[in-house]
């Protein structure tokens, strides 16, 4: 049985705090599926779906000003075993018009990499009162770059030269987004 989930959802859109967010998705698999919607690590909803290859809709609400992660996947029972589909991962920008606190969103997830391999870390910085934002990039609490970015998706390319655990941090104003990366030694 082929199992997968896809979506044309645009996570680069800003959403108003407290509003309903319409999430459309297409589950594939000729079995009954339980779809999970996880916001900031907590289950925000489930849906039982029997259709395969047809668009479904889920409404998400109650999010406040800031970035909020959204993880979507489904499980199904096949021959007595529970199997899981691929995962869809987003970082949503939720804006409250009464706040001027910058928002940093990134679809990069804590990861592991090999020494000397360049990582591409996508991120978006949204400051409500400005089209541009001052950003600082840190590696293990050492600033490696200071720049000004607009509201489009940016990419931080970083190549770790040492092994161990790295803490990468994007800072704009009082807002921080932190990632932990495990770096293993290169075989070369």
C-alpha atoms as a PDB file:
ATOM      1  CA  UNK A   1       0.000   0.000   0.000  1.00  0.00           C
ATOM      2  CA  UNK A   2       1.389   3.374  -1.004  1.00  0.00           C
ATOM      3  CA  UNK A   3       1.063   5.899   1.831  1.00  0.00           C
ATOM      4  CA  UNK A   4       1.845   9.589   1.501  1.00  0.00           C
ATOM      5  CA  UNK A   5       0.544  13.018   2.349  1.00  0.00           C
ATOM      6  CA  UNK A   6       1.086  16.246   0.395  1.00  0.00           C
ATOM      7  CA  UNK A   7      -0.121  19.818   0.501  1.00  0.00           C
ATOM      8  CA  UNK A   8       0.072  23.026  -1.512  1.00  0.00           C
ATOM      9  CA  UNK A   9      -0.205  25.043   1.723  1.00  0.00           C
ATOM     10  CA  UNK A  10       1.784  28.296   1.566  1.00  0.00           C
ATOM     11  CA  UNK A  11       3.611  28.741   4.875  1.00  0.00           C
ATOM     12  CA  UNK A  12       5.217  31.980   3.636  1.00  0.00           C
ATOM     13  CA  UNK A  13       1.906  33.774   4.125  1.00  0.00           C
ATOM     14  CA  UNK A  14       1.298  35.734   7.332  1.00  0.00           C
ATOM     15  CA  UNK A  15      -1.812  34.895   9.325  1.00  0.00           C
ATOM     16  CA  UNK A  16      -3.730  37.072  11.760  1.00  0.00           C
ATOM     17  CA  UNK A  17      -3.567  36.034  15.418  1.00  0.00           C
ATOM     18  CA  UNK A  18      -6.712  34.243  16.553  1.00  0.00           C
ATOM     19  CA  UNK A  19      -7.999  33.647  13.019  1.00  0.00           C
ATOM     20  CA  UNK A  20      -8.866  30.292  11.461  1.00  0.00           C
ATOM     21  CA  UNK A  21      -6.142  28.932   9.211  1.00  0.00           C
ATOM     22  CA  UNK A  22      -7.369  26.699   6.396  1.00  0.00           C
ATOM     23  CA  UNK A  23      -4.955  23.819   5.826  1.00  0.00           C
ATOM     24  CA  UNK A  24      -5.647  21.696   2.728  1.00  0.00           C
ATOM     25  CA  UNK A  25      -3.921  18.373   2.149  1.00  0.00           C
ATOM     26  CA  UNK A  26      -4.104  15.239   0.022  1.00  0.00           C
ATOM     27  CA  UNK A  27      -3.662  11.868   1.758  1.00  0.00           C
ATOM     28  CA  UNK A  28      -2.865   8.841  -0.421  1.00  0.00           C
ATOM     29  CA  UNK A  29      -3.510   5.275   0.688  1.00  0.00           C
ATOM     30  CA  UNK A  30      -6.430   2.896   0.168  1.00  0.00           C
ATOM     31  CA  UNK A  31      -6.920   2.392   3.934  1.00  0.00           C
ATOM     32  CA  UNK A  32      -8.552   4.279   6.785  1.00  0.00           C
ATOM     33  CA  UNK A  33      -6.099   6.944   7.937  1.00  0.00           C
ATOM     34  CA  UNK A  34      -5.848   8.982  11.131  1.00  0.00           C
ATOM     35  CA  UNK A  35      -4.352  12.373  10.263  1.00  0.00           C
ATOM     36  CA  UNK A  36      -2.561  14.253  13.050  1.00  0.00           C
ATOM     37  CA  UNK A  37      -2.109  18.028  13.236  1.00  0.00           C
ATOM     38  CA  UNK A  38       0.558  18.977  15.777  1.00  0.00           C
ATOM     39  CA  UNK A  39       1.087  22.671  16.625  1.00  0.00           C
ATOM     40  CA  UNK A  40       4.153  23.594  18.718  1.00  0.00           C
ATOM     41  CA  UNK A  41       4.557  19.959  19.785  1.00  0.00           C
ATOM     42  CA  UNK A  42       0.952  19.520  21.004  1.00  0.00           C
ATOM     43  CA  UNK A  43      -1.833  17.776  19.131  1.00  0.00           C
ATOM     44  CA  UNK A  44      -4.179  20.444  17.749  1.00  0.00           C
ATOM     45  CA  UNK A  45      -6.537  18.057  15.985  1.00  0.00           C
ATOM     46  CA  UNK A  46      -7.036  14.737  14.234  1.00  0.00           C
ATOM     47  CA  UNK A  47      -9.124  13.611  11.290  1.00  0.00           C
ATOM     48  CA  UNK A  48     -10.190  10.150  10.189  1.00  0.00           C
ATOM     49  CA  UNK A  49     -10.024   9.916   6.406  1.00  0.00           C
ATOM     50  CA  UNK A  50     -10.901   7.008   4.114  1.00  0.00           C
ATOM     51  CA  UNK A  51     -10.546   8.901   0.821  1.00  0.00           C
ATOM     52  CA  UNK A  52      -7.327   8.546  -1.144  1.00  0.00           C
ATOM     53  CA  UNK A  53      -5.959  11.174  -3.528  1.00  0.00           C
ATOM     54  CA  UNK A  54      -8.698  13.712  -2.754  1.00  0.00           C
ATOM     55  CA  UNK A  55      -8.147  17.095  -1.128  1.00  0.00           C
ATOM     56  CA  UNK A  56      -9.187  17.383   2.510  1.00  0.00           C
ATOM     57  CA  UNK A  57      -9.444  20.465   4.750  1.00  0.00           C
ATOM     58  CA  UNK A  58      -8.553  21.090   8.384  1.00  0.00           C
ATOM     59  CA  UNK A  59      -9.061  24.373  10.257  1.00  0.00           C
ATOM     60  CA  UNK A  60      -6.495  25.461  12.828  1.00  0.00           C
ATOM     61  CA  UNK A  61      -7.023  28.330  15.258  1.00  0.00           C
ATOM     62  CA  UNK A  62      -6.009  29.866  18.564  1.00  0.00           C
ATOM     63  CA  UNK A  63      -2.450  30.867  17.644  1.00  0.00           C
ATOM     64  CA  UNK A  64      -0.921  34.023  19.112  1.00  0.00           C
ATOM     65  CA  UNK A  65       1.704  36.475  17.810  1.00  0.00           C
ATOM     66  CA  UNK A  66       4.927  34.686  16.859  1.00  0.00           C
ATOM     67  CA  UNK A  67       6.089  31.640  14.936  1.00  0.00           C
ATOM     68  CA  UNK A  68       4.291  28.340  15.430  1.00  0.00           C
ATOM     69  CA  UNK A  69       5.421  24.960  14.106  1.00  0.00           C
ATOM     70  CA  UNK A  70       2.916  22.755  12.304  1.00  0.00           C
ATOM     71  CA  UNK A  71       3.589  19.045  11.785  1.00  0.00           C
ATOM     72  CA  UNK A  72       1.133  16.941   9.760  1.00  0.00           C
ATOM     73  CA  UNK A  73       1.215  13.178   9.144  1.00  0.00           C
ATOM     74  CA  UNK A  74      -1.084  10.170   9.302  1.00  0.00           C
ATOM     75  CA  UNK A  75      -1.016   6.620  10.617  1.00  0.00           C
ATOM     76  CA  UNK A  76      -2.883   3.560   9.372  1.00  0.00           C
ATOM     77  CA  UNK A  77      -3.331  -0.062  10.386  1.00  0.00           C
ATOM     78  CA  UNK A  78      -2.093  -2.574   7.802  1.00  0.00           C
ATOM     79  CA  UNK A  79      -2.141  -6.309   8.627  1.00  0.00           C
ATOM     80  CA  UNK A  80      -2.178  -5.530  12.351  1.00  0.00           C
ATOM     81  CA  UNK A  81       0.788  -3.159  12.197  1.00  0.00           C
ATOM     82  CA  UNK A  82       0.667   0.624  12.545  1.00  0.00           C
ATOM     83  CA  UNK A  83       2.468   2.427   9.730  1.00  0.00           C
ATOM     84  CA  UNK A  84       3.134   6.142   9.314  1.00  0.00           C
ATOM     85  CA  UNK A  85       3.195   8.405   6.275  1.00  0.00           C
ATOM     86  CA  UNK A  86       5.799  11.031   5.484  1.00  0.00           C
ATOM     87  CA  UNK A  87       5.707  14.236   7.555  1.00  0.00           C
ATOM     88  CA  UNK A  88       4.867  17.774   6.421  1.00  0.00           C
ATOM     89  CA  UNK A  89       6.575  20.463   8.511  1.00  0.00           C
ATOM     90  CA  UNK A  90       5.897  24.207   8.496  1.00  0.00           C
ATOM     91  CA  UNK A  91       6.735  27.224  10.635  1.00  0.00           C
ATOM     92  CA  UNK A  92       3.843  29.679  10.514  1.00  0.00           C
ATOM     93  CA  UNK A  93       4.040  33.450  10.999  1.00  0.00           C
ATOM     94  CA  UNK A  94       1.134  34.647  13.144  1.00  0.00           C
ATOM     95  CA  UNK A  95       0.802  38.428  13.477  1.00  0.00           C
ATOM     96  CA  UNK A  96      -1.052  40.431  16.109  1.00  0.00           C
ATOM     97  CA  UNK A  97      -1.444  44.011  14.849  1.00  0.00           C
ATOM     98  CA  UNK A  98      -0.964  45.368  18.378  1.00  0.00           C
ATOM     99  CA  UNK A  99       2.545  43.857  18.683  1.00  0.00           C
ATOM    100  CA  UNK A 100       5.799  45.039  17.124  1.00  0.00           C
ATOM    101  CA  UNK A 101       7.894  42.055  18.282  1.00  0.00           C
ATOM    102  CA  UNK A 102       9.870  40.511  15.370  1.00  0.00           C
ATOM    103  CA  UNK A 103       8.955  36.979  14.270  1.00  0.00           C
ATOM    104  CA  UNK A 104      11.512  34.446  13.002  1.00  0.00           C
ATOM    105  CA  UNK A 105      10.232  31.368  11.160  1.00  0.00           C
ATOM    106  CA  UNK A 106      12.259  28.475   9.732  1.00  0.00           C
ATOM    107  CA  UNK A 107      11.464  25.038   8.344  1.00  0.00           C
ATOM    108  CA  UNK A 108      14.918  23.799   9.375  1.00  0.00           C
ATOM    109  CA  UNK A 109      14.673  21.100  12.028  1.00  0.00           C
ATOM    110  CA  UNK A 110      17.332  20.103  14.516  1.00  0.00           C
ATOM    111  CA  UNK A 111      19.533  17.797  12.529  1.00  0.00           C
ATOM    112  CA  UNK A 112      22.762  15.953  12.164  1.00  0.00           C
ATOM    113  CA  UNK A 113      25.375  16.524   9.512  1.00  0.00           C
ATOM    114  CA  UNK A 114      28.892  15.538   8.557  1.00  0.00           C
ATOM    115  CA  UNK A 115      31.860  17.801   9.209  1.00  0.00           C
ATOM    116  CA  UNK A 116      32.668  20.153   6.261  1.00  0.00           C
ATOM    117  CA  UNK A 117      29.203  19.661   4.703  1.00  0.00           C
ATOM    118  CA  UNK A 118      27.391  22.926   3.980  1.00  0.00           C
ATOM    119  CA  UNK A 119      23.963  23.218   5.564  1.00  0.00           C
ATOM    120  CA  UNK A 120      21.286  25.464   4.056  1.00  0.00           C
ATOM    121  CA  UNK A 121      19.060  26.942   6.761  1.00  0.00           C
ATOM    122  CA  UNK A 122      16.005  28.745   5.353  1.00  0.00           C
ATOM    123  CA  UNK A 123      14.436  31.451   7.511  1.00  0.00           C
ATOM    124  CA  UNK A 124      12.067  34.398   7.309  1.00  0.00           C
ATOM    125  CA  UNK A 125      12.095  37.430   9.594  1.00  0.00           C
ATOM    126  CA  UNK A 126       8.928  39.494   9.896  1.00  0.00           C
ATOM    127  CA  UNK A 127       8.924  42.774  11.826  1.00  0.00           C
ATOM    128  CA  UNK A 128       5.376  44.205  11.808  1.00  0.00           C
ATOM    129  CA  UNK A 129       6.391  47.900  11.675  1.00  0.00           C
ATOM    130  CA  UNK A 130       9.153  47.537   9.073  1.00  0.00           C
ATOM    131  CA  UNK A 131       9.779  45.901   5.717  1.00  0.00           C
ATOM    132  CA  UNK A 132      13.384  45.170   6.794  1.00  0.00           C
ATOM    133  CA  UNK A 133      14.825  43.570   9.917  1.00  0.00           C
ATOM    134  CA  UNK A 134      18.260  43.634  11.537  1.00  0.00           C
ATOM    135  CA  UNK A 135      19.484  40.060  12.017  1.00  0.00           C
ATOM    136  CA  UNK A 136      22.459  38.512  13.797  1.00  0.00           C
ATOM    137  CA  UNK A 137      23.630  34.924  13.247  1.00  0.00           C
ATOM    138  CA  UNK A 138      25.389  33.024  16.044  1.00  0.00           C
ATOM    139  CA  UNK A 139      27.283  29.731  16.271  1.00  0.00           C
ATOM    140  CA  UNK A 140      27.809  28.486  19.855  1.00  0.00           C
ATOM    141  CA  UNK A 141      27.008  32.022  21.116  1.00  0.00           C
ATOM    142  CA  UNK A 142      29.669  33.622  18.883  1.00  0.00           C
ATOM    143  CA  UNK A 143      28.274  36.150  16.382  1.00  0.00           C
ATOM    144  CA  UNK A 144      29.304  35.193  12.845  1.00  0.00           C
ATOM    145  CA  UNK A 145      27.224  37.705  10.845  1.00  0.00           C
ATOM    146  CA  UNK A 146      25.158  40.887  11.147  1.00  0.00           C
ATOM    147  CA  UNK A 147      22.850  41.758   8.287  1.00  0.00           C
ATOM    148  CA  UNK A 148      19.603  43.423   7.257  1.00  0.00           C
ATOM    149  CA  UNK A 149      16.977  41.272   5.548  1.00  0.00           C
ATOM    150  CA  UNK A 150      13.554  41.846   4.018  1.00  0.00           C
ATOM    151  CA  UNK A 151      10.456  39.685   4.585  1.00  0.00           C
ATOM    152  CA  UNK A 152      11.320  37.095   1.921  1.00  0.00           C
ATOM    153  CA  UNK A 153      12.819  33.679   2.640  1.00  0.00           C
ATOM    154  CA  UNK A 154      16.557  33.962   3.374  1.00  0.00           C
ATOM    155  CA  UNK A 155      19.136  31.146   3.429  1.00  0.00           C
ATOM    156  CA  UNK A 156      21.935  30.858   5.976  1.00  0.00           C
ATOM    157  CA  UNK A 157      24.641  28.637   4.483  1.00  0.00           C
ATOM    158  CA  UNK A 158      26.892  27.261   7.195  1.00  0.00           C
ATOM    159  CA  UNK A 159      29.702  24.696   7.011  1.00  0.00           C
ATOM    160  CA  UNK A 160      30.805  23.210  10.355  1.00  0.00           C
ATOM    161  CA  UNK A 161      34.564  22.656  10.629  1.00  0.00           C
ATOM    162  CA  UNK A 162      34.498  20.952  14.033  1.00  0.00           C
ATOM    163  CA  UNK A 163      32.620  17.943  15.390  1.00  0.00           C
ATOM    164  CA  UNK A 164      30.203  17.707  18.310  1.00  0.00           C
ATOM    165  CA  UNK A 165      26.993  19.579  19.035  1.00  0.00           C
ATOM    166  CA  UNK A 166      26.539  23.025  17.527  1.00  0.00           C
ATOM    167  CA  UNK A 167      24.001  25.599  18.626  1.00  0.00           C
ATOM    168  CA  UNK A 168      22.978  27.828  15.720  1.00  0.00           C
ATOM    169  CA  UNK A 169      20.926  30.919  16.541  1.00  0.00           C
ATOM    170  CA  UNK A 170      19.138  33.584  14.505  1.00  0.00           C
ATOM    171  CA  UNK A 171      18.392  36.781  16.451  1.00  0.00           C
ATOM    172  CA  UNK A 172      16.267  39.799  15.542  1.00  0.00           C
ATOM    173  CA  UNK A 173      15.494  42.278  18.321  1.00  0.00           C
ATOM    174  CA  UNK A 174      14.207  40.304  21.330  1.00  0.00           C
ATOM    175  CA  UNK A 175      13.337  37.251  19.214  1.00  0.00           C
ATOM    176  CA  UNK A 176      15.613  34.209  18.859  1.00  0.00           C
ATOM    177  CA  UNK A 177      15.327  30.977  16.868  1.00  0.00           C
ATOM    178  CA  UNK A 178      17.755  28.248  17.997  1.00  0.00           C
ATOM    179  CA  UNK A 179      18.760  24.977  16.303  1.00  0.00           C
ATOM    180  CA  UNK A 180      20.887  22.135  17.656  1.00  0.00           C
ATOM    181  CA  UNK A 181      22.992  20.269  15.116  1.00  0.00           C
ATOM    182  CA  UNK A 182      25.053  17.148  15.782  1.00  0.00           C
ATOM    183  CA  UNK A 183      28.220  17.122  13.653  1.00  0.00           C
ATOM    184  CA  UNK A 184      30.012  13.822  13.057  1.00  0.00           C
ATOM    185  CA  UNK A 185      33.582  13.523  11.826  1.00  0.00           C
ATOM    186  CA  UNK A 186      34.217  13.382   8.116  1.00  0.00           C
ATOM    187  CA  UNK A 187      35.723  10.134   6.793  1.00  0.00           C
ATOM    188  CA  UNK A 188      37.988  12.119   4.476  1.00  0.00           C
END
